[in-house]
Full PDB file with SEQRES, HELIX, SHEET, SSBOND, CRYST1, ORIGX, SCALE, CONECT and MASTER records, all heavy atoms in Angstrom:
SEQRES   1 A   40  TRP PRO GLN PRO GLY VAL THR HIS ARG ARG VAL TYR LEU          
SEQRES   2 A   40  SER ALA ASP PRO SER GLY SER THR GLU ASP SER LEU HIS          
SEQRES   3 A   40  ASP GLY SER LEU ARG PRO THR GLY PRO GLY ALA VAL GLU          
SEQRES   4 A   40  SER                                                          
SHEET    1 AA1 2 TYR A  12  SER A  14  0                                        
SHEET    2 AA1 2 SER A  29  ARG A  31 -1                                        
CRYST1    1.000    1.000    1.000  90.00  90.00  90.00 P 1           1          
ORIGX1      1.000000  0.000000  0.000000        0.00000                         
ORIGX2      0.000000  1.000000  0.000000        0.00000                         
ORIGX3      0.000000  0.000000  1.000000        0.00000                         
SCALE1      1.000000  0.000000  0.000000        0.00000                         
SCALE2      0.000000  1.000000  0.000000        0.00000                         
SCALE3      0.000000  0.000000  1.000000        0.00000                         
ATOM      1  N   TRP A   1       5.625  -7.652  30.554  1.00  0.00           N  
ATOM      2  CA  TRP A   1       5.127  -6.425  29.941  1.00  0.00           C  
ATOM      3  C   TRP A   1       5.403  -6.484  28.459  1.00  0.00           C  
ATOM      4  O   TRP A   1       6.491  -6.940  28.060  1.00  0.00           O  
ATOM      5  CB  TRP A   1       5.803  -5.189  30.553  1.00  0.00           C  
ATOM      6  CG  TRP A   1       5.007  -3.948  30.320  1.00  0.00           C  
ATOM      7  CD1 TRP A   1       3.988  -3.456  31.108  1.00  0.00           C  
ATOM      8  CD2 TRP A   1       5.120  -3.057  29.211  1.00  0.00           C  
ATOM      9  NE1 TRP A   1       3.471  -2.330  30.556  1.00  0.00           N  
ATOM     10  CE2 TRP A   1       4.154  -2.050  29.381  1.00  0.00           C  
ATOM     11  CE3 TRP A   1       5.943  -3.014  28.091  1.00  0.00           C  
ATOM     12  CZ2 TRP A   1       3.982  -1.023  28.485  1.00  0.00           C  
ATOM     13  CZ3 TRP A   1       5.774  -1.989  27.182  1.00  0.00           C  
ATOM     14  CH2 TRP A   1       4.808  -1.001  27.379  1.00  0.00           C  
ATOM     15  N   PRO A   2       4.463  -6.080  27.580  1.00  0.00           N  
ATOM     16  CA  PRO A   2       3.130  -5.544  27.868  1.00  0.00           C  
ATOM     17  C   PRO A   2       2.237  -6.531  28.627  1.00  0.00           C  
ATOM     18  O   PRO A   2       2.536  -7.711  28.720  1.00  0.00           O  
ATOM     19  CB  PRO A   2       2.560  -5.260  26.482  1.00  0.00           C  
ATOM     20  CG  PRO A   2       3.743  -5.136  25.574  1.00  0.00           C  
ATOM     21  CD  PRO A   2       4.743  -6.074  26.120  1.00  0.00           C  
ATOM     22  N   GLN A   3       1.148  -6.013  29.164  1.00  0.00           N  
ATOM     23  CA  GLN A   3       0.233  -6.819  29.951  1.00  0.00           C  
ATOM     24  C   GLN A   3      -0.321  -7.968  29.113  1.00  0.00           C  
ATOM     25  O   GLN A   3      -0.789  -7.767  27.994  1.00  0.00           O  
ATOM     26  CB  GLN A   3      -0.919  -5.941  30.448  1.00  0.00           C  
ATOM     27  CG  GLN A   3      -1.965  -6.693  31.253  1.00  0.00           C  
ATOM     28  CD  GLN A   3      -2.999  -5.755  31.839  1.00  0.00           C  
ATOM     29  OE1 GLN A   3      -2.662  -4.680  32.305  1.00  0.00           O  
ATOM     30  NE2 GLN A   3      -4.265  -6.162  31.817  1.00  0.00           N  
ATOM     31  N   PRO A   4      -0.260  -9.179  29.622  1.00  0.00           N  
ATOM     32  CA  PRO A   4      -0.842 -10.311  28.887  1.00  0.00           C  
ATOM     33  C   PRO A   4      -2.329 -10.067  28.607  1.00  0.00           C  
ATOM     34  O   PRO A   4      -3.048  -9.483  29.420  1.00  0.00           O  
ATOM     35  CB  PRO A   4      -0.644 -11.486  29.843  1.00  0.00           C  
ATOM     36  CG  PRO A   4       0.515 -11.092  30.706  1.00  0.00           C  
ATOM     37  CD  PRO A   4       0.393  -9.608  30.887  1.00  0.00           C  
ATOM     38  N   GLY A   5      -2.777 -10.503  27.435  1.00  0.00           N  
ATOM     39  CA  GLY A   5      -4.193 -10.385  27.091  1.00  0.00           C  
ATOM     40  C   GLY A   5      -4.540  -9.200  26.219  1.00  0.00           C  
ATOM     41  O   GLY A   5      -5.697  -9.078  25.788  1.00  0.00           O  
ATOM     42  N   VAL A   6      -3.563  -8.310  25.932  1.00  0.00           N  
ATOM     43  CA  VAL A   6      -3.878  -7.191  25.042  1.00  0.00           C  
ATOM     44  C   VAL A   6      -3.594  -7.595  23.599  1.00  0.00           C  
ATOM     45  O   VAL A   6      -2.760  -8.464  23.327  1.00  0.00           O  
ATOM     46  CB  VAL A   6      -3.074  -5.921  25.398  1.00  0.00           C  
ATOM     47  CG1 VAL A   6      -3.370  -5.473  26.813  1.00  0.00           C  
ATOM     48  CG2 VAL A   6      -1.580  -6.133  25.186  1.00  0.00           C  
ATOM     49  N   THR A   7      -4.306  -6.973  22.684  1.00  0.00           N  
ATOM     50  CA  THR A   7      -4.162  -7.237  21.254  1.00  0.00           C  
ATOM     51  C   THR A   7      -4.062  -5.917  20.511  1.00  0.00           C  
ATOM     52  O   THR A   7      -4.822  -4.980  20.793  1.00  0.00           O  
ATOM     53  CB  THR A   7      -5.379  -8.020  20.726  1.00  0.00           C  
ATOM     54  OG1 THR A   7      -5.500  -9.256  21.443  1.00  0.00           O  
ATOM     55  CG2 THR A   7      -5.236  -8.307  19.235  1.00  0.00           C  
ATOM     56  N   HIS A   8      -3.134  -5.839  19.563  1.00  0.00           N  
ATOM     57  CA  HIS A   8      -3.054  -4.651  18.721  1.00  0.00           C  
ATOM     58  C   HIS A   8      -4.198  -4.672  17.704  1.00  0.00           C  
ATOM     59  O   HIS A   8      -4.399  -5.661  17.008  1.00  0.00           O  
ATOM     60  CB  HIS A   8      -1.708  -4.581  18.000  1.00  0.00           C  
ATOM     61  CG  HIS A   8      -0.619  -3.973  18.835  1.00  0.00           C  
ATOM     62  ND1 HIS A   8       0.154  -4.701  19.711  1.00  0.00           N  
ATOM     63  CD2 HIS A   8      -0.187  -2.683  18.926  1.00  0.00           C  
ATOM     64  CE1 HIS A   8       1.029  -3.913  20.306  1.00  0.00           C  
ATOM     65  NE2 HIS A   8       0.839  -2.681  19.863  1.00  0.00           N  
ATOM     66  N   ARG A   9      -4.917  -3.575  17.651  1.00  0.00           N  
ATOM     67  CA  ARG A   9      -6.059  -3.448  16.748  1.00  0.00           C  
ATOM     68  C   ARG A   9      -5.989  -2.125  15.997  1.00  0.00           C  
ATOM     69  O   ARG A   9      -5.656  -1.090  16.582  1.00  0.00           O  
ATOM     70  CB  ARG A   9      -7.378  -3.491  17.533  1.00  0.00           C  
ATOM     71  CG  ARG A   9      -7.630  -4.777  18.309  1.00  0.00           C  
ATOM     72  CD  ARG A   9      -8.911  -4.647  19.127  1.00  0.00           C  
ATOM     73  NE  ARG A   9      -9.314  -5.901  19.739  1.00  0.00           N  
ATOM     74  CZ  ARG A   9      -8.924  -6.302  20.950  1.00  0.00           C  
ATOM     75  NH1 ARG A   9      -8.108  -5.540  21.663  1.00  0.00           N  
ATOM     76  NH2 ARG A   9      -9.350  -7.455  21.434  1.00  0.00           N  
ATOM     77  N   ARG A  10      -6.320  -2.157  14.720  1.00  0.00           N  
ATOM     78  CA  ARG A  10      -6.444  -0.915  13.965  1.00  0.00           C  
ATOM     79  C   ARG A  10      -7.667  -0.123  14.429  1.00  0.00           C  
ATOM     80  O   ARG A  10      -8.760  -0.672  14.540  1.00  0.00           O  
ATOM     81  CB  ARG A  10      -6.600  -1.196  12.475  1.00  0.00           C  
ATOM     82  CG  ARG A  10      -5.337  -1.490  11.710  1.00  0.00           C  
ATOM     83  CD  ARG A  10      -5.628  -1.423  10.215  1.00  0.00           C  
ATOM     84  NE  ARG A  10      -4.486  -1.816   9.413  1.00  0.00           N  
ATOM     85  CZ  ARG A  10      -4.407  -1.647   8.103  1.00  0.00           C  
ATOM     86  NH1 ARG A  10      -5.450  -1.111   7.451  1.00  0.00           N  
ATOM     87  NH2 ARG A  10      -3.338  -2.025   7.429  1.00  0.00           N  
ATOM     88  N   VAL A  11      -7.454   1.169  14.661  1.00  0.00           N  
ATOM     89  CA  VAL A  11      -8.569   2.094  14.855  1.00  0.00           C  
ATOM     90  C   VAL A  11      -8.325   3.233  13.864  1.00  0.00           C  
ATOM     91  O   VAL A  11      -7.268   3.871  13.892  1.00  0.00           O  
ATOM     92  CB  VAL A  11      -8.643   2.622  16.296  1.00  0.00           C  
ATOM     93  CG1 VAL A  11      -9.950   3.379  16.509  1.00  0.00           C  
ATOM     94  CG2 VAL A  11      -8.527   1.486  17.310  1.00  0.00           C  
ATOM     95  N   TYR A  12      -9.302   3.483  12.972  1.00  0.00           N  
ATOM     96  CA  TYR A  12      -9.078   4.344  11.816  1.00  0.00           C  
ATOM     97  C   TYR A  12      -9.402   5.803  12.116  1.00  0.00           C  
ATOM     98  O   TYR A  12     -10.344   6.116  12.854  1.00  0.00           O  
ATOM     99  CB  TYR A  12      -9.930   3.877  10.638  1.00  0.00           C  
ATOM    100  CG  TYR A  12      -9.532   2.521  10.104  1.00  0.00           C  
ATOM    101  CD1 TYR A  12     -10.100   1.360  10.630  1.00  0.00           C  
ATOM    102  CD2 TYR A  12      -8.597   2.403   9.088  1.00  0.00           C  
ATOM    103  CE1 TYR A  12      -9.742   0.104  10.148  1.00  0.00           C  
ATOM    104  CE2 TYR A  12      -8.232   1.155   8.596  1.00  0.00           C  
ATOM    105  CZ  TYR A  12      -8.800   0.013   9.128  1.00  0.00           C  
ATOM    106  OH  TYR A  12      -8.444  -1.225   8.648  1.00  0.00           O  
ATOM    107  N   LEU A  13      -8.631   6.700  11.494  1.00  0.00           N  
ATOM    108  CA  LEU A  13      -8.902   8.129  11.562  1.00  0.00           C  
ATOM    109  C   LEU A  13      -9.963   8.481  10.526  1.00  0.00           C  
ATOM    110  O   LEU A  13      -9.857   8.097   9.354  1.00  0.00           O  
ATOM    111  CB  LEU A  13      -7.625   8.928  11.292  1.00  0.00           C  
ATOM    112  CG  LEU A  13      -6.643   9.141  12.454  1.00  0.00           C  
ATOM    113  CD1 LEU A  13      -6.167   7.832  13.052  1.00  0.00           C  
ATOM    114  CD2 LEU A  13      -5.450   9.991  11.999  1.00  0.00           C  
ATOM    115  N   SER A  14     -10.976   9.205  10.966  1.00  0.00           N  
ATOM    116  CA  SER A  14     -12.083   9.600  10.090  1.00  0.00           C  
ATOM    117  C   SER A  14     -12.316  11.100  10.231  1.00  0.00           C  
ATOM    118  O   SER A  14     -12.160  11.668  11.323  1.00  0.00           O  
ATOM    119  CB  SER A  14     -13.356   8.839  10.481  1.00  0.00           C  
ATOM    120  OG  SER A  14     -14.503   9.401   9.854  1.00  0.00           O  
ATOM    121  N   ALA A  15     -12.696  11.733   9.139  1.00  0.00           N  
ATOM    122  CA  ALA A  15     -12.995  13.168   9.172  1.00  0.00           C  
ATOM    123  C   ALA A  15     -14.342  13.461   9.811  1.00  0.00           C  
ATOM    124  O   ALA A  15     -14.612  14.608  10.202  1.00  0.00           O  
ATOM    125  CB  ALA A  15     -12.964  13.738   7.754  1.00  0.00           C  
ATOM    126  N   ASP A  16     -15.201  12.461   9.959  1.00  0.00           N  
ATOM    127  CA  ASP A  16     -16.525  12.683  10.538  1.00  0.00           C  
ATOM    128  C   ASP A  16     -16.401  13.185  11.971  1.00  0.00           C  
ATOM    129  O   ASP A  16     -15.588  12.681  12.751  1.00  0.00           O  
ATOM    130  CB  ASP A  16     -17.334  11.389  10.522  1.00  0.00           C  
ATOM    131  CG  ASP A  16     -17.624  10.912   9.109  1.00  0.00           C  
ATOM    132  OD1 ASP A  16     -17.559  11.737   8.184  1.00  0.00           O  
ATOM    133  OD2 ASP A  16     -17.894   9.700   8.940  1.00  0.00           O  
ATOM    134  N   PRO A  17     -17.200  14.165  12.356  1.00  0.00           N  
ATOM    135  CA  PRO A  17     -17.081  14.735  13.704  1.00  0.00           C  
ATOM    136  C   PRO A  17     -17.467  13.737  14.791  1.00  0.00           C  
ATOM    137  O   PRO A  17     -18.401  12.946  14.633  1.00  0.00           O  
ATOM    138  CB  PRO A  17     -18.042  15.922  13.670  1.00  0.00           C  
ATOM    139  CG  PRO A  17     -19.008  15.609  12.578  1.00  0.00           C  
ATOM    140  CD  PRO A  17     -18.247  14.826  11.552  1.00  0.00           C  
ATOM    141  N   SER A  18     -16.731  13.798  15.890  1.00  0.00           N  
ATOM    142  CA  SER A  18     -17.048  12.949  17.038  1.00  0.00           C  
ATOM    143  C   SER A  18     -18.018  13.644  17.980  1.00  0.00           C  
ATOM    144  O   SER A  18     -18.659  12.994  18.808  1.00  0.00           O  
ATOM    145  CB  SER A  18     -15.764  12.611  17.808  1.00  0.00           C  
ATOM    146  OG  SER A  18     -15.255  13.757  18.482  1.00  0.00           O  
ATOM    147  N   GLY A  19     -18.099  14.974  17.878  1.00  0.00           N  
ATOM    148  CA  GLY A  19     -18.960  15.732  18.783  1.00  0.00           C  
ATOM    149  C   GLY A  19     -18.413  15.842  20.185  1.00  0.00           C  
ATOM    150  O   GLY A  19     -19.125  16.260  21.101  1.00  0.00           O  
ATOM    151  N   SER A  20     -17.130  15.506  20.378  1.00  0.00           N  
ATOM    152  CA  SER A  20     -16.555  15.488  21.731  1.00  0.00           C  
ATOM    153  C   SER A  20     -15.772  16.743  22.055  1.00  0.00           C  
ATOM    154  O   SER A  20     -15.325  16.915  23.194  1.00  0.00           O  
ATOM    155  CB  SER A  20     -15.633  14.275  21.877  1.00  0.00           C  
ATOM    156  OG  SER A  20     -14.537  14.365  20.986  1.00  0.00           O  
ATOM    157  N   THR A  21     -15.551  17.638  21.088  1.00  0.00           N  
ATOM    158  CA  THR A  21     -14.751  18.834  21.357  1.00  0.00           C  
ATOM    159  C   THR A  21     -15.159  19.970  20.430  1.00  0.00           C  
ATOM    160  O   THR A  21     -15.559  19.742  19.279  1.00  0.00           O  
ATOM    161  CB  THR A  21     -13.246  18.551  21.176  1.00  0.00           C  
ATOM    162  OG1 THR A  21     -12.509  19.751  21.424  1.00  0.00           O  
ATOM    163  CG2 THR A  21     -12.940  18.052  19.769  1.00  0.00           C  
ATOM    164  N   GLU A  22     -15.053  21.171  20.952  1.00  0.00           N  
ATOM    165  CA  GLU A  22     -15.210  22.380  20.145  1.00  0.00           C  
ATOM    166  C   GLU A  22     -13.910  23.178  20.129  1.00  0.00           C  
ATOM    167  O   GLU A  22     -13.868  24.301  19.629  1.00  0.00           O  
ATOM    168  CB  GLU A  22     -16.345  23.247  20.707  1.00  0.00           C  
ATOM    169  CG  GLU A  22     -17.710  22.572  20.657  1.00  0.00           C  
ATOM    170  CD  GLU A  22     -18.806  23.439  21.260  1.00  0.00           C  
ATOM    171  OE1 GLU A  22     -18.451  24.507  21.824  1.00  0.00           O  
ATOM    172  OE2 GLU A  22     -19.991  23.062  21.167  1.00  0.00           O  
ATOM    173  N   ASP A  23     -12.849  22.595  20.708  1.00  0.00           N  
ATOM    174  CA  ASP A  23     -11.601  23.331  20.877  1.00  0.00           C  
ATOM    175  C   ASP A  23     -10.579  23.054  19.792  1.00  0.00           C  
ATOM    176  O   ASP A  23      -9.639  23.832  19.611  1.00  0.00           O  
ATOM    177  CB  ASP A  23     -10.974  22.985  22.240  1.00  0.00           C  
ATOM    178  CG  ASP A  23     -11.858  23.381  23.404  1.00  0.00           C  
ATOM    179  OD1 ASP A  23     -12.210  24.569  23.478  1.00  0.00           O  
ATOM    180  OD2 ASP A  23     -12.193  22.511  24.225  1.00  0.00           O  
ATOM    181  N   SER A  24     -10.702  21.948  19.073  1.00  0.00           N  
ATOM    182  CA  SER A  24      -9.635  21.561  18.151  1.00  0.00           C  
ATOM    183  C   SER A  24      -9.780  22.226  16.789  1.00  0.00           C  
ATOM    184  O   SER A  24     -10.853  22.731  16.423  1.00  0.00           O  
ATOM    185  CB  SER A  24      -9.611  20.046  17.987  1.00  0.00           C  
ATOM    186  OG  SER A  24     -10.772  19.576  17.345  1.00  0.00           O  
ATOM    187  N   LEU A  25      -8.674  22.191  16.026  1.00  0.00           N  
ATOM    188  CA  LEU A  25      -8.684  22.709  14.666  1.00  0.00           C  
ATOM    189  C   LEU A  25      -9.694  21.954  13.803  1.00  0.00           C  
ATOM    190  O   LEU A  25     -10.397  22.536  12.981  1.00  0.00           O  
ATOM    191  CB  LEU A  25      -7.270  22.587  14.076  1.00  0.00           C  
ATOM    192  CG  LEU A  25      -7.036  23.127  12.677  1.00  0.00           C  
ATOM    193  CD1 LEU A  25      -7.233  24.640  12.642  1.00  0.00           C  
ATOM    194  CD2 LEU A  25      -5.627  22.765  12.203  1.00  0.00           C  
ATOM    195  N   HIS A  26      -9.760  20.627  14.006  1.00  0.00           N  
ATOM    196  CA  HIS A  26     -10.781  19.814  13.342  1.00  0.00           C  
ATOM    197  C   HIS A  26     -11.160  18.671  14.266  1.00  0.00           C  
ATOM    198  O   HIS A  26     -10.296  17.961  14.775  1.00  0.00           O  
ATOM    199  CB  HIS A  26     -10.275  19.245  12.016  1.00  0.00           C  
ATOM    200  CG  HIS A  26     -11.293  18.358  11.345  1.00  0.00           C  
ATOM    201  ND1 HIS A  26     -12.259  18.853  10.490  1.00  0.00           N  
ATOM    202  CD2 HIS A  26     -11.512  17.013  11.432  1.00  0.00           C  
ATOM    203  CE1 HIS A  26     -13.026  17.863  10.077  1.00  0.00           C  
ATOM    204  NE2 HIS A  26     -12.598  16.733  10.629  1.00  0.00           N  
ATOM    205  N   ASP A  27     -12.440  18.485  14.485  1.00  0.00           N  
ATOM    206  CA  ASP A  27     -12.963  17.395  15.315  1.00  0.00           C  
ATOM    207  C   ASP A  27     -13.283  16.206  14.426  1.00  0.00           C  
ATOM    208  O   ASP A  27     -14.308  16.180  13.748  1.00  0.00           O  
ATOM    209  CB  ASP A  27     -14.218  17.866  16.063  1.00  0.00           C  
ATOM    210  CG  ASP A  27     -14.944  16.718  16.756  1.00  0.00           C  
ATOM    211  OD1 ASP A  27     -14.258  15.743  17.135  1.00  0.00           O  
ATOM    212  OD2 ASP A  27     -16.187  16.796  16.899  1.00  0.00           O  
ATOM    213  N   GLY A  28     -12.376  15.214  14.421  1.00  0.00           N  
ATOM    214  CA  GLY A  28     -12.608  13.988  13.672  1.00  0.00           C  
ATOM    215  C   GLY A  28     -12.885  12.823  14.597  1.00  0.00           C  
ATOM    216  O   GLY A  28     -12.947  12.973  15.820  1.00  0.00           O  
ATOM    217  N   SER A  29     -13.048  11.649  14.021  1.00  0.00           N  
ATOM    218  CA  SER A  29     -13.424  10.461  14.790  1.00  0.00           C  
ATOM    219  C   SER A  29     -12.370   9.371  14.677  1.00  0.00           C  
ATOM    220  O   SER A  29     -11.590   9.308  13.719  1.00  0.00           O  
ATOM    221  CB  SER A  29     -14.761   9.899  14.288  1.00  0.00           C  
ATOM    222  OG  SER A  29     -15.795  10.839  14.430  1.00  0.00           O  
ATOM    223  N   LEU A  30     -12.375   8.489  15.671  1.00  0.00           N  
ATOM    224  CA  LEU A  30     -11.677   7.201  15.609  1.00  0.00           C  
ATOM    225  C   LEU A  30     -12.738   6.131  15.471  1.00  0.00           C  
ATOM    226  O   LEU A  30     -13.680   6.081  16.284  1.00  0.00           O  
ATOM    227  CB  LEU A  30     -10.854   6.959  16.878  1.00  0.00           C  
ATOM    228  CG  LEU A  30      -9.512   7.672  17.030  1.00  0.00           C  
ATOM    229  CD1 LEU A  30      -8.868   7.276  18.347  1.00  0.00           C  
ATOM    230  CD2 LEU A  30      -8.582   7.356  15.874  1.00  0.00           C  
ATOM    231  N   ARG A  31     -12.568   5.253  14.479  1.00  0.00           N  
ATOM    232  CA  ARG A  31     -13.601   4.254  14.222  1.00  0.00           C  
ATOM    233  C   ARG A  31     -12.980   2.892  13.931  1.00  0.00           C  
ATOM    234  O   ARG A  31     -11.846   2.814  13.443  1.00  0.00           O  
ATOM    235  CB  ARG A  31     -14.452   4.682  13.025  1.00  0.00           C  
ATOM    236  CG  ARG A  31     -15.258   5.945  13.296  1.00  0.00           C  
ATOM    237  CD  ARG A  31     -16.208   6.252  12.171  1.00  0.00           C  
ATOM    238  NE  ARG A  31     -17.134   7.321  12.536  1.00  0.00           N  
ATOM    239  CZ  ARG A  31     -18.084   7.782  11.744  1.00  0.00           C  
ATOM    240  NH1 ARG A  31     -18.247   7.270  10.533  1.00  0.00           N  
ATOM    241  NH2 ARG A  31     -18.892   8.746  12.156  1.00  0.00           N  
ATOM    242  N   PRO A  32     -13.706   1.821  14.218  1.00  0.00           N  
ATOM    243  CA  PRO A  32     -13.179   0.484  13.948  1.00  0.00           C  
ATOM    244  C   PRO A  32     -13.152   0.140  12.462  1.00  0.00           C  
ATOM    245  O   PRO A  32     -12.556  -0.875  12.080  1.00  0.00           O  
ATOM    246  CB  PRO A  32     -14.135  -0.437  14.709  1.00  0.00           C  
ATOM    247  CG  PRO A  32     -15.401   0.345  14.860  1.00  0.00           C  
ATOM    248  CD  PRO A  32     -14.997   1.780  14.950  1.00  0.00           C  
ATOM    249  N   THR A  33     -13.778   0.957  11.623  1.00  0.00           N  
ATOM    250  CA  THR A  33     -13.764   0.713  10.169  1.00  0.00           C  
ATOM    251  C   THR A  33     -13.192   1.935   9.464  1.00  0.00           C  
ATOM    252  O   THR A  33     -13.253   3.063   9.984  1.00  0.00           O  
ATOM    253  CB  THR A  33     -15.178   0.440   9.636  1.00  0.00           C  
ATOM    254  OG1 THR A  33     -16.039   1.543   9.974  1.00  0.00           O  
ATOM    255  CG2 THR A  33     -15.732  -0.847  10.239  1.00  0.00           C  
ATOM    256  N   GLY A  34     -12.644   1.715   8.264  1.00  0.00           N  
ATOM    257  CA  GLY A  34     -11.983   2.778   7.520  1.00  0.00           C  
ATOM    258  C   GLY A  34     -12.944   3.782   6.922  1.00  0.00           C  
ATOM    259  O   GLY A  34     -14.166   3.570   6.904  1.00  0.00           O  
ATOM    260  N   PRO A  35     -12.412   4.898   6.399  1.00  0.00           N  
ATOM    261  CA  PRO A  35     -13.261   5.943   5.809  1.00  0.00           C  
ATOM    262  C   PRO A  35     -13.901   5.461   4.513  1.00  0.00           C  
ATOM    263  O   PRO A  35     -13.394   4.560   3.831  1.00  0.00           O  
ATOM    264  CB  PRO A  35     -12.266   7.083   5.541  1.00  0.00           C  
ATOM    265  CG  PRO A  35     -10.945   6.397   5.379  1.00  0.00           C  
ATOM    266  CD  PRO A  35     -10.968   5.227   6.319  1.00  0.00           C  
ATOM    267  N   GLY A  36     -15.001   6.074   4.154  1.00  0.00           N  
ATOM    268  CA  GLY A  36     -15.708   5.671   2.943  1.00  0.00           C  
ATOM    269  C   GLY A  36     -15.328   6.471   1.726  1.00  0.00           C  
ATOM    270  O   GLY A  36     -15.636   6.078   0.600  1.00  0.00           O  
ATOM    271  N   ALA A  37     -14.674   7.620   1.929  1.00  0.00           N  
ATOM    272  CA  ALA A  37     -14.299   8.474   0.804  1.00  0.00           C  
ATOM    273  C   ALA A  37     -12.993   9.181   1.132  1.00  0.00           C  
ATOM    274  O   ALA A  37     -12.582   9.263   2.295  1.00  0.00           O  
ATOM    275  CB  ALA A  37     -15.399   9.502   0.532  1.00  0.00           C  
ATOM    276  N   VAL A  38     -12.327   9.710   0.105  1.00  0.00           N  
ATOM    277  CA  VAL A  38     -11.062  10.419   0.289  1.00  0.00           C  
ATOM    278  C   VAL A  38     -11.338  11.832   0.794  1.00  0.00           C  
ATOM    279  O   VAL A  38     -12.151  12.562   0.221  1.00  0.00           O  
ATOM    280  CB  VAL A  38     -10.271  10.481  -1.031  1.00  0.00           C  
ATOM    281  CG1 VAL A  38      -9.000  11.304  -0.849  1.00  0.00           C  
ATOM    282  CG2 VAL A  38      -9.938   9.086  -1.523  1.00  0.00           C  
ATOM    283  N   GLU A  39     -10.673  12.189   1.872  1.00  0.00           N  
ATOM    284  CA  GLU A  39     -10.745  13.550   2.400  1.00  0.00           C  
ATOM    285  C   GLU A  39      -9.357  13.946   2.874  1.00  0.00           C  
ATOM    286  O   GLU A  39      -8.551  13.100   3.275  1.00  0.00           O  
ATOM    287  CB  GLU A  39     -11.739  13.648   3.558  1.00  0.00           C  
ATOM    288  CG  GLU A  39     -13.182  13.381   3.160  1.00  0.00           C  
ATOM    289  CD  GLU A  39     -14.164  13.783   4.249  1.00  0.00           C  
ATOM    290  OE1 GLU A  39     -14.125  14.952   4.654  1.00  0.00           O  
ATOM    291  OE2 GLU A  39     -14.941  12.918   4.687  1.00  0.00           O  
ATOM    292  N   SER A  40      -9.066  15.247   2.861  1.00  0.00           N  
ATOM    293  CA  SER A  40      -7.778  15.761   3.336  1.00  0.00           C  
ATOM    294  C   SER A  40      -8.023  16.839   4.380  1.00  0.00           C  
ATOM    295  O   SER A  40      -8.879  17.723   4.191  1.00  0.00           O  
ATOM    296  CB  SER A  40      -6.957  16.330   2.173  1.00  0.00           C  
ATOM    297  OG  SER A  40      -6.571  15.305   1.278  1.00  0.00           O  
TER     298      SER A  40                                                      
MASTER        0    0    0    0    2    0    0    6  297    1    0    4          
END                                                                             
């Protein structure tokens, strides 16, 4: 353990909406590439 064959990969936090929830304070995305602009 950990299970053989797994790899640590970056997944970036993005402010762009994922469209998966209407319940959160802010609906952002997880993406394989970084954000294009500065947002807070």
